[in-house]
């Protein structure tokens, strides 16, 4: 799926286990840490997450830097 952020930059997203969040209406967002996040939904596990484009990883909703106040995410914590 092709998406554009608020500045018009194009991103693509496809993953067999995830869909773009909110029925496909979410757009990528740039955060203060210099990374781009996309809110996504995993229908088989029934949970939301954020896809981090620069790191090519999914992080839990509660691990987003604007929730934790952190600028990095440490795996396994």
C-alpha atoms as a PDB file:
ATOM      1  CA  UNK A   1       0.000   0.000   0.000  1.00  0.00           C
ATOM      2  CA  UNK A   2       1.325   3.446  -0.875  1.00  0.00           C
ATOM      3  CA  UNK A   3       0.953   6.130   1.784  1.00  0.00           C
ATOM      4  CA  UNK A   4       1.930   9.806   2.087  1.00  0.00           C
ATOM      5  CA  UNK A   5       2.885  11.668   5.235  1.00  0.00           C
ATOM      6  CA  UNK A   6       1.698  15.223   5.918  1.00  0.00           C
ATOM      7  CA  UNK A   7       4.648  16.587   3.916  1.00  0.00           C
ATOM      8  CA  UNK A   8       3.747  14.526   0.860  1.00  0.00           C
ATOM      9  CA  UNK A   9       6.620  12.041   1.162  1.00  0.00           C
ATOM     10  CA  UNK A  10       5.612   8.594  -0.109  1.00  0.00           C
ATOM     11  CA  UNK A  11       6.001   5.393   1.886  1.00  0.00           C
ATOM     12  CA  UNK A  12       4.968   1.855   1.157  1.00  0.00           C
ATOM     13  CA  UNK A  13       3.680  -0.677   3.641  1.00  0.00           C
ATOM     14  CA  UNK A  14       2.877  -4.337   3.314  1.00  0.00           C
ATOM     15  CA  UNK A  15       3.218  -7.117   5.839  1.00  0.00           C
ATOM     16  CA  UNK A  16       1.385 -10.421   5.820  1.00  0.00           C
ATOM     17  CA  UNK A  17       0.399 -10.112   9.505  1.00  0.00           C
ATOM     18  CA  UNK A  18      -0.455  -6.388   9.697  1.00  0.00           C
ATOM     19  CA  UNK A  19      -2.811  -3.879   8.102  1.00  0.00           C
ATOM     20  CA  UNK A  20      -2.625  -0.084   8.123  1.00  0.00           C
ATOM     21  CA  UNK A  21      -4.496   1.033  11.252  1.00  0.00           C
ATOM     22  CA  UNK A  22      -7.964   2.549  11.488  1.00  0.00           C
ATOM     23  CA  UNK A  23      -9.275   0.804   8.414  1.00  0.00           C
ATOM     24  CA  UNK A  24      -6.372   1.926   6.244  1.00  0.00           C
ATOM     25  CA  UNK A  25      -6.689   5.637   7.015  1.00  0.00           C
ATOM     26  CA  UNK A  26      -3.552   6.078   9.149  1.00  0.00           C
ATOM     27  CA  UNK A  27      -0.623   7.934   7.598  1.00  0.00           C
ATOM     28  CA  UNK A  28       3.083   7.750   8.457  1.00  0.00           C
ATOM     29  CA  UNK A  29       4.196  10.325  11.022  1.00  0.00           C
ATOM     30  CA  UNK A  30       7.616  11.764  11.644  1.00  0.00           C
ATOM     31  CA  UNK A  31       8.620  12.071  15.289  1.00  0.00           C
ATOM     32  CA  UNK A  32      11.235  14.131  17.111  1.00  0.00           C
ATOM     33  CA  UNK A  33      13.641  11.177  17.179  1.00  0.00           C
ATOM     34  CA  UNK A  34      13.932  11.428  13.390  1.00  0.00           C
ATOM     35  CA  UNK A  35      12.019   8.212  12.769  1.00  0.00           C
ATOM     36  CA  UNK A  36       8.804   7.586  10.877  1.00  0.00           C
ATOM     37  CA  UNK A  37       6.007   5.592  12.532  1.00  0.00           C
ATOM     38  CA  UNK A  38       2.867   3.996  11.153  1.00  0.00           C
ATOM     39  CA  UNK A  39      -0.022   2.820  13.331  1.00  0.00           C
ATOM     40  CA  UNK A  40      -0.923  -0.733  12.307  1.00  0.00           C
ATOM     41  CA  UNK A  41      -3.350  -3.516  13.247  1.00  0.00           C
ATOM     42  CA  UNK A  42      -2.676  -7.239  13.555  1.00  0.00           C
ATOM     43  CA  UNK A  43      -6.068  -8.878  12.906  1.00  0.00           C
ATOM     44  CA  UNK A  44      -5.025 -12.418  13.818  1.00  0.00           C
ATOM     45  CA  UNK A  45      -3.595 -11.408  17.219  1.00  0.00           C
ATOM     46  CA  UNK A  46      -6.056  -8.526  17.639  1.00  0.00           C
ATOM     47  CA  UNK A  47      -3.616  -5.821  18.700  1.00  0.00           C
ATOM     48  CA  UNK A  48      -2.278  -2.504  17.480  1.00  0.00           C
ATOM     49  CA  UNK A  49       1.399  -1.616  17.128  1.00  0.00           C
ATOM     50  CA  UNK A  50       3.636   0.937  15.457  1.00  0.00           C
ATOM     51  CA  UNK A  51       5.800   0.086  12.481  1.00  0.00           C
ATOM     52  CA  UNK A  52       9.127   1.961  12.554  1.00  0.00           C
ATOM     53  CA  UNK A  53      10.283   2.479   8.977  1.00  0.00           C
ATOM     54  CA  UNK A  54      13.950   3.218   9.686  1.00  0.00           C
ATOM     55  CA  UNK A  55      14.378   0.147  11.902  1.00  0.00           C
ATOM     56  CA  UNK A  56      11.978  -2.158  10.011  1.00  0.00           C
ATOM     57  CA  UNK A  57      10.414  -3.316  13.296  1.00  0.00           C
ATOM     58  CA  UNK A  58       7.046  -3.315  15.023  1.00  0.00           C
ATOM     59  CA  UNK A  59       6.875  -1.907  18.550  1.00  0.00           C
ATOM     60  CA  UNK A  60       4.000  -2.178  21.030  1.00  0.00           C
ATOM     61  CA  UNK A  61       1.714   0.843  21.398  1.00  0.00           C
ATOM     62  CA  UNK A  62       2.968   1.490  24.921  1.00  0.00           C
ATOM     63  CA  UNK A  63       6.612   1.534  23.728  1.00  0.00           C
ATOM     64  CA  UNK A  64       6.168   4.507  21.379  1.00  0.00           C
ATOM     65  CA  UNK A  65       8.577   7.301  22.346  1.00  0.00           C
ATOM     66  CA  UNK A  66       5.783   9.862  22.806  1.00  0.00           C
ATOM     67  CA  UNK A  67       4.257   7.502  25.391  1.00  0.00           C
ATOM     68  CA  UNK A  68       7.441   6.553  27.240  1.00  0.00           C
ATOM     69  CA  UNK A  69       9.323   9.833  26.861  1.00  0.00           C
ATOM     70  CA  UNK A  70      12.264   7.842  25.475  1.00  0.00           C
ATOM     71  CA  UNK A  71      13.947   8.376  22.144  1.00  0.00           C
ATOM     72  CA  UNK A  72      14.925   4.729  21.638  1.00  0.00           C
ATOM     73  CA  UNK A  73      13.314   1.353  22.188  1.00  0.00           C
ATOM     74  CA  UNK A  74      15.288  -1.486  23.746  1.00  0.00           C
ATOM     75  CA  UNK A  75      14.148  -4.924  22.650  1.00  0.00           C
ATOM     76  CA  UNK A  76      13.356  -7.369  25.419  1.00  0.00           C
ATOM     77  CA  UNK A  77      12.263  -4.738  27.953  1.00  0.00           C
END
